[in-house]
Amino acid sequence: MSTTVPREAWAVAVASARLQPHVALPVEVLGLPILLYRDAHGAVRGWLNICAHRSAPVVLHEQRCDRFRCPYHGWTYGTDGRLQRTPGFGGDAGEHALTAVAVHEADGLVWVRPAGTGPGAPPFLHALRAAGAPSAAGWQVHSTSRHPLAADWSVYVENYLEAYHIPFVHPSLSRDVVLDTYRVHVHEGFVTHEVERAPNAPAAGFWAWIWPATMLNVYEGGMNLERVLPEGPGRCTIEYTYLFDPAVKPDQRERALAQSEIVTAEDVAICEAVQRNLDTGLAVQGPLSPRHEGAITAFREWLQTGA
């Protein structure tokens, strides 16, 4: 198990609908503080939310602005990230700027690569679309929620990557799917779930985990954008953003929200129980199922190699 999330990968920072023009939004991505800003032309830029002076957050809360003013000593940056003012400094502060990060907006989501160098867009996006991921462009943010979890981020991810536990942990979900048809597919950089729905159950959805800590839980006309936020050994937070097509009926939306809460509570309980046993130092790792847990094998290999 790894308590450190890789920071050189791409992860979803926020749904596009959350980021309006002229709005600065501080978010956490793969354990790092990120500042996002959408300019008047609709383009999104991003930086580490760390002042070049004494490392305070430059922006503490979501706000409309035409510059970024650090609340610690007033160092002020333009919306291009360049240092503009150092009030009362008493000398030459030199040339400084916020540290830029790679940002790419596609299909209603804003992706960020917070560390390292690489391409200007996530390399897996085309394959993810081909695997069935829909576009959330034009969908509206319904609500957000956060779920503290007394378990390592990797414990939670491994739980997501297999359906082996569903008949034992998720009784309501078990009734909605044909478990014998459940398959988990490993792609380059992401994993998808495929299953037939039981008769009279809600329409089939799309579930994907994107290395290392983003999940897209899609149902008819809606999505739960899931971000895993590591908080050190044995702790993480699960952040949900619920997005819906404006045409979705209220009762359909409420069913999806209720089912999400039930499944989350069940997953939290089992993951925290696993973490308690891991913390004893006496847990022995048994074999992984070739049929059900191939994605966990891939995940562990990616952890070792940095994928």
Protein backbone atom coordinates (compact mmCIF):
# COMPACT_ATOMS: atom_id res chain seq x y z
CA MET A 1 0.00 0.00 0.00
CA SER A 2 1.16 3.53 -0.72
CA THR A 3 0.32 6.53 1.44
CA THR A 4 1.66 8.95 -1.16
CA VAL A 5 -0.39 9.81 -4.21
CA PRO A 6 1.61 10.40 -7.43
CA ARG A 7 1.58 14.09 -8.35
CA GLU A 8 2.88 13.80 -11.91
CA ALA A 9 -0.44 12.41 -13.20
CA TRP A 10 -3.56 14.14 -14.49
CA ALA A 11 -6.61 14.47 -12.24
CA VAL A 12 -9.92 16.29 -12.45
CA ALA A 13 -9.78 19.49 -10.40
CA VAL A 14 -13.36 20.67 -10.80
CA ALA A 15 -16.41 20.49 -13.04
CA SER A 16 -16.39 23.25 -15.67
CA ALA A 17 -19.73 24.56 -14.40
CA ARG A 18 -18.10 25.46 -11.06
CA LEU A 19 -15.63 27.88 -12.64
CA GLN A 20 -17.23 31.05 -13.94
CA PRO A 21 -15.42 33.88 -15.82
CA HIS A 22 -13.26 36.19 -13.66
CA VAL A 23 -13.48 33.72 -10.76
CA ALA A 24 -10.43 32.48 -8.85
CA LEU A 25 -10.99 29.06 -7.30
CA PRO A 26 -8.59 27.34 -4.85
CA VAL A 27 -8.77 23.53 -5.03
CA GLU A 28 -6.71 20.55 -3.96
CA VAL A 29 -5.39 18.21 -6.64
CA LEU A 30 -3.40 15.09 -5.74
CA GLY A 31 -2.47 16.58 -2.40
CA LEU A 32 -1.29 19.92 -3.78
CA PRO A 33 -2.93 23.38 -3.48
CA ILE A 34 -3.99 24.63 -6.91
CA LEU A 35 -5.37 28.02 -7.99
CA LEU A 36 -7.63 28.04 -11.08
CA TYR A 37 -8.87 31.09 -12.95
CA ARG A 38 -11.19 31.46 -15.94
CA ASP A 39 -10.50 34.64 -17.92
CA ALA A 40 -12.91 36.82 -19.89
CA HIS A 41 -12.33 34.72 -23.02
CA GLY A 42 -13.29 31.49 -21.24
CA ALA A 43 -9.79 30.03 -21.00
CA VAL A 44 -8.76 28.34 -17.75
CA ARG A 45 -5.27 28.75 -16.29
CA GLY A 46 -3.77 27.22 -13.18
CA TRP A 47 -0.88 27.67 -10.75
CA LEU A 48 0.30 26.26 -7.47
CA ASN A 49 -1.57 28.27 -4.84
CA ILE A 50 1.69 29.18 -3.12
CA CYS A 51 3.01 32.74 -2.82
CA ALA A 52 6.59 33.25 -4.06
CA HIS A 53 7.39 35.23 -0.92
CA ARG A 54 6.71 33.15 2.21
CA SER A 55 4.56 30.30 0.81
CA ALA A 56 1.13 31.43 2.02
CA PRO A 57 -1.92 30.52 -0.07
CA VAL A 58 -2.45 33.35 -2.54
CA VAL A 59 -6.22 32.82 -2.66
CA LEU A 60 -8.09 31.41 0.35
CA HIS A 61 -11.66 31.32 -0.96
CA GLU A 62 -13.52 31.36 -4.27
CA GLN A 63 -13.79 34.98 -5.43
CA ARG A 64 -14.33 37.24 -8.41
CA CYS A 65 -11.18 39.26 -9.05
CA ASP A 66 -8.87 40.79 -11.64
CA ARG A 67 -5.69 40.03 -9.65
CA PHE A 68 -4.52 37.75 -6.86
CA ARG A 69 -3.45 39.40 -3.59
CA CYS A 70 -1.74 37.21 -0.99
CA PRO A 71 -3.44 37.73 2.40
CA TYR A 72 -0.16 37.32 4.31
CA HIS A 73 2.00 40.25 3.08
CA GLY A 74 0.01 41.67 0.18
CA TRP A 75 2.17 40.42 -2.69
CA THR A 76 -0.06 40.82 -5.72
CA TYR A 77 -0.06 38.82 -8.96
CA GLY A 78 -1.80 39.44 -12.26
CA THR A 79 -4.12 36.90 -13.83
CA ASP A 80 -1.15 35.80 -15.91
CA GLY A 81 0.58 34.72 -12.68
CA ARG A 82 3.27 37.42 -12.81
CA LEU A 83 4.19 39.44 -9.74
CA GLN A 84 2.82 42.99 -9.91
CA ARG A 85 3.22 44.59 -6.47
CA THR A 86 5.16 44.03 -3.23
CA PRO A 87 3.71 46.72 -0.91
CA GLY A 88 6.09 48.08 1.73
CA PHE A 89 8.82 45.61 0.82
CA GLY A 90 11.66 48.10 1.10
CA GLY A 91 13.88 46.73 -1.65
CA ASP A 92 14.02 44.90 -4.96
CA ALA A 93 11.87 41.77 -4.77
CA GLY A 94 13.22 40.51 -8.08
CA GLU A 95 11.33 38.73 -10.83
CA HIS A 96 8.86 36.20 -9.45
CA ALA A 97 5.70 34.52 -10.63
CA LEU A 98 3.31 31.85 -9.49
CA THR A 99 4.32 28.35 -10.55
CA ALA A 100 2.14 27.34 -13.50
CA VAL A 101 0.59 23.88 -13.79
CA ALA A 102 -0.78 22.12 -16.86
CA VAL A 103 -4.54 22.63 -17.29
CA HIS A 104 -6.89 21.13 -19.88
CA GLU A 105 -10.65 21.55 -20.14
CA ALA A 106 -12.70 18.92 -21.97
CA ASP A 107 -16.21 17.44 -21.84
CA GLY A 108 -17.31 19.62 -18.95
CA LEU A 109 -14.32 18.83 -16.70
CA VAL A 110 -11.14 20.74 -15.84
CA TRP A 111 -8.09 18.47 -15.68
CA VAL A 112 -4.86 19.47 -13.93
CA ARG A 113 -1.36 17.99 -13.88
CA PRO A 114 0.05 19.57 -10.72
CA ALA A 115 3.70 18.46 -10.94
CA GLY A 116 6.25 17.39 -13.52
CA THR A 117 6.30 18.03 -17.23
CA GLY A 118 4.30 16.42 -19.97
CA PRO A 119 1.76 16.88 -22.76
CA GLY A 120 -0.74 19.71 -22.84
CA ALA A 121 -3.72 17.36 -22.52
CA PRO A 122 -4.37 14.06 -20.74
CA PRO A 123 -3.18 11.36 -23.16
CA PHE A 124 -6.03 8.99 -22.29
CA LEU A 125 -8.98 11.27 -23.09
CA HIS A 126 -9.67 9.86 -26.56
CA ALA A 127 -9.56 6.28 -25.26
CA LEU A 128 -11.78 7.22 -22.32
CA ARG A 129 -14.41 8.63 -24.69
CA ALA A 130 -14.13 5.55 -26.89
CA ALA A 131 -14.72 3.36 -23.83
CA GLY A 132 -18.05 5.11 -23.22
CA ALA A 133 -17.42 8.19 -21.09
CA PRO A 134 -20.05 10.81 -21.97
CA SER A 135 -19.57 14.54 -22.13
CA ALA A 136 -20.82 16.53 -19.14
CA ALA A 137 -20.63 19.82 -21.04
CA GLY A 138 -23.76 21.82 -20.28
CA TRP A 139 -24.62 19.79 -17.20
CA GLN A 140 -25.37 21.71 -14.03
CA VAL A 141 -23.83 21.29 -10.58
CA HIS A 142 -26.55 20.06 -8.24
CA SER A 143 -24.57 19.67 -5.02
CA THR A 144 -21.26 18.69 -3.48
CA SER A 145 -20.36 16.59 -0.45
CA ARG A 146 -17.25 15.44 1.40
CA HIS A 147 -16.80 12.16 3.24
CA PRO A 148 -13.84 11.83 5.65
CA LEU A 149 -12.41 8.33 5.57
CA ALA A 150 -10.17 6.71 8.18
CA ALA A 151 -8.36 4.72 5.52
CA ASP A 152 -5.48 5.29 3.14
CA TRP A 153 -6.37 6.58 -0.32
CA SER A 154 -4.99 3.39 -1.89
CA VAL A 155 -7.29 1.21 0.25
CA TYR A 156 -10.29 3.12 -1.06
CA VAL A 157 -9.08 3.00 -4.66
CA GLU A 158 -8.53 -0.76 -4.51
CA ASN A 159 -12.09 -1.18 -3.24
CA TYR A 160 -13.35 0.81 -6.23
CA LEU A 161 -11.36 -1.29 -8.68
CA GLU A 162 -13.17 -4.57 -8.07
CA ALA A 163 -16.76 -5.81 -8.03
CA TYR A 164 -15.89 -8.96 -6.08
CA HIS A 165 -17.25 -7.37 -2.89
CA ILE A 166 -20.59 -6.18 -4.30
CA PRO A 167 -22.79 -9.18 -3.30
CA PHE A 168 -21.40 -9.04 0.24
CA VAL A 169 -21.17 -5.28 0.89
CA HIS A 170 -23.82 -3.68 -1.37
CA PRO A 171 -27.16 -5.55 -1.15
CA SER A 172 -29.21 -2.84 -2.89
CA LEU A 173 -26.70 -2.48 -5.72
CA SER A 174 -26.60 -6.28 -6.10
CA ARG A 175 -30.32 -6.30 -6.88
CA ASP A 176 -29.88 -3.77 -9.69
CA VAL A 177 -27.20 -5.62 -11.68
CA VAL A 178 -26.63 -9.06 -13.17
CA LEU A 179 -23.50 -9.96 -11.22
CA ASP A 180 -22.46 -12.81 -13.52
CA THR A 181 -22.02 -10.26 -16.33
CA TYR A 182 -19.83 -7.90 -14.30
CA ARG A 183 -16.45 -7.22 -15.89
CA VAL A 184 -13.70 -4.74 -15.01
CA HIS A 185 -11.53 -3.64 -17.95
CA VAL A 186 -7.98 -2.32 -17.56
CA HIS A 187 -6.96 0.30 -20.13
CA GLU A 188 -3.83 2.40 -20.41
CA GLY A 189 -4.16 4.85 -17.54
CA PHE A 190 -7.74 4.06 -16.54
CA VAL A 191 -10.15 1.29 -15.61
CA THR A 192 -13.83 0.87 -16.59
CA HIS A 193 -16.66 -1.25 -15.18
CA GLU A 194 -19.19 -3.04 -17.38
CA VAL A 195 -22.33 -4.83 -16.19
CA GLU A 196 -25.87 -5.59 -17.34
CA ARG A 197 -28.70 -4.09 -15.35
CA ALA A 198 -31.35 -6.35 -13.82
CA PRO A 199 -34.91 -6.20 -15.25
CA ASN A 200 -36.80 -3.08 -14.14
CA ALA A 201 -33.62 -1.59 -12.61
CA PRO A 202 -32.51 1.96 -13.48
CA ALA A 203 -30.74 2.41 -16.81
CA ALA A 204 -27.15 1.19 -17.03
CA GLY A 205 -24.40 3.66 -16.22
CA PHE A 206 -20.68 4.11 -16.81
CA TRP A 207 -18.04 3.83 -14.12
CA ALA A 208 -14.40 4.71 -14.61
CA TRP A 209 -11.36 5.23 -12.42
CA ILE A 210 -8.60 7.39 -13.88
CA TRP A 211 -5.10 6.96 -12.49
CA PRO A 212 -4.47 7.82 -9.75
CA ALA A 213 -7.43 9.35 -7.87
CA THR A 214 -10.37 10.41 -10.08
CA MET A 215 -13.61 8.50 -10.59
CA LEU A 216 -16.47 9.18 -13.00
CA ASN A 217 -19.71 7.58 -11.83
CA VAL A 218 -22.20 8.19 -14.63
CA TYR A 219 -25.88 7.33 -14.66
CA GLU A 220 -28.65 8.29 -17.04
CA GLY A 221 -28.46 12.07 -17.35
CA GLY A 222 -26.07 12.60 -14.46
CA MET A 223 -22.65 12.09 -13.00
CA ASN A 224 -20.99 11.85 -9.62
CA LEU A 225 -17.53 13.31 -10.15
CA GLU A 226 -15.50 11.65 -7.42
CA ARG A 227 -12.11 12.89 -6.25
CA VAL A 228 -9.97 11.12 -3.66
CA LEU A 229 -7.99 13.61 -1.55
CA PRO A 230 -5.14 11.98 0.40
CA GLU A 231 -4.51 13.38 3.87
CA GLY A 232 -1.57 11.29 5.08
CA PRO A 233 -1.18 7.69 6.19
CA GLY A 234 -4.51 6.09 6.99
CA ARG A 235 -6.63 9.12 6.11
CA CYS A 236 -8.29 10.58 3.04
CA THR A 237 -11.41 12.48 2.03
CA ILE A 238 -13.81 11.53 -0.73
CA GLU A 239 -15.22 14.59 -2.50
CA TYR A 240 -18.34 14.29 -4.64
CA THR A 241 -19.68 16.76 -7.19
CA TYR A 242 -23.10 15.79 -8.53
CA LEU A 243 -23.80 16.99 -12.07
CA PHE A 244 -27.06 16.56 -13.95
CA ASP A 245 -28.42 17.28 -17.39
CA PRO A 246 -31.02 20.05 -16.95
CA ALA A 247 -33.58 17.76 -18.62
CA VAL A 248 -33.33 15.07 -15.90
CA LYS A 249 -36.54 14.64 -13.90
CA PRO A 250 -36.35 15.44 -10.16
CA ASP A 251 -37.42 11.96 -9.03
CA GLN A 252 -34.76 10.33 -11.22
CA ARG A 253 -32.15 12.69 -9.79
CA GLU A 254 -33.19 12.00 -6.19
CA ARG A 255 -33.00 8.22 -6.73
CA ALA A 256 -29.45 8.56 -8.00
CA LEU A 257 -28.44 10.72 -5.03
CA ALA A 258 -30.00 8.33 -2.51
CA GLN A 259 -28.31 5.29 -4.05
CA SER A 260 -24.96 7.09 -4.02
CA GLU A 261 -25.25 7.83 -0.30
CA ILE A 262 -26.11 4.21 0.53
CA VAL A 263 -23.22 2.75 -1.47
CA THR A 264 -20.78 5.32 -0.06
CA ALA A 265 -21.67 4.48 3.55
CA GLU A 266 -21.16 0.78 2.84
CA ASP A 267 -17.78 1.37 1.17
CA VAL A 268 -16.58 3.66 3.96
CA ALA A 269 -17.43 1.06 6.61
CA ILE A 270 -15.53 -1.79 4.94
CA CYS A 271 -12.52 0.33 3.93
CA GLU A 272 -12.11 1.66 7.46
CA ALA A 273 -12.32 -1.89 8.82
CA VAL A 274 -9.59 -2.99 6.39
CA GLN A 275 -7.40 -0.04 7.45
CA ARG A 276 -7.76 -0.93 11.13
CA ASN A 277 -6.47 -4.42 10.38
CA LEU A 278 -3.62 -3.10 8.24
CA ASP A 279 -2.61 -0.82 11.10
CA THR A 280 -2.00 -3.86 13.33
CA GLY A 281 1.04 -4.74 11.22
CA LEU A 282 -0.11 -8.36 11.28
CA ALA A 283 -2.18 -8.47 8.10
CA VAL A 284 -1.07 -11.05 5.50
CA GLN A 285 -1.76 -10.28 1.84
CA GLY A 286 -3.60 -13.17 0.21
CA PRO A 287 -3.82 -13.93 -3.52
CA LEU A 288 -5.80 -11.70 -5.85
CA SER A 289 -8.61 -13.18 -7.94
CA PRO A 290 -7.60 -13.44 -11.62
CA ARG A 291 -11.22 -12.93 -12.63
CA HIS A 292 -12.23 -10.12 -10.29
CA GLU A 293 -9.11 -8.28 -9.14
CA GLY A 294 -6.95 -7.80 -12.22
CA ALA A 295 -7.36 -4.02 -11.95
CA ILE A 296 -5.85 -4.10 -8.46
CA THR A 297 -2.83 -5.92 -9.87
CA ALA A 298 -2.49 -3.17 -12.49
CA PHE A 299 -2.93 -0.45 -9.86
CA ARG A 300 -0.14 -1.87 -7.71
CA GLU A 301 2.16 -2.12 -10.71
CA TRP A 302 1.41 1.51 -11.60
CA LEU A 303 2.17 2.56 -8.03
CA GLN A 304 5.59 0.92 -8.27
CA THR A 305 6.42 2.42 -11.66
CA GLY A 306 4.69 5.79 -11.24
CA ALA A 307 2.58 4.92 -14.31
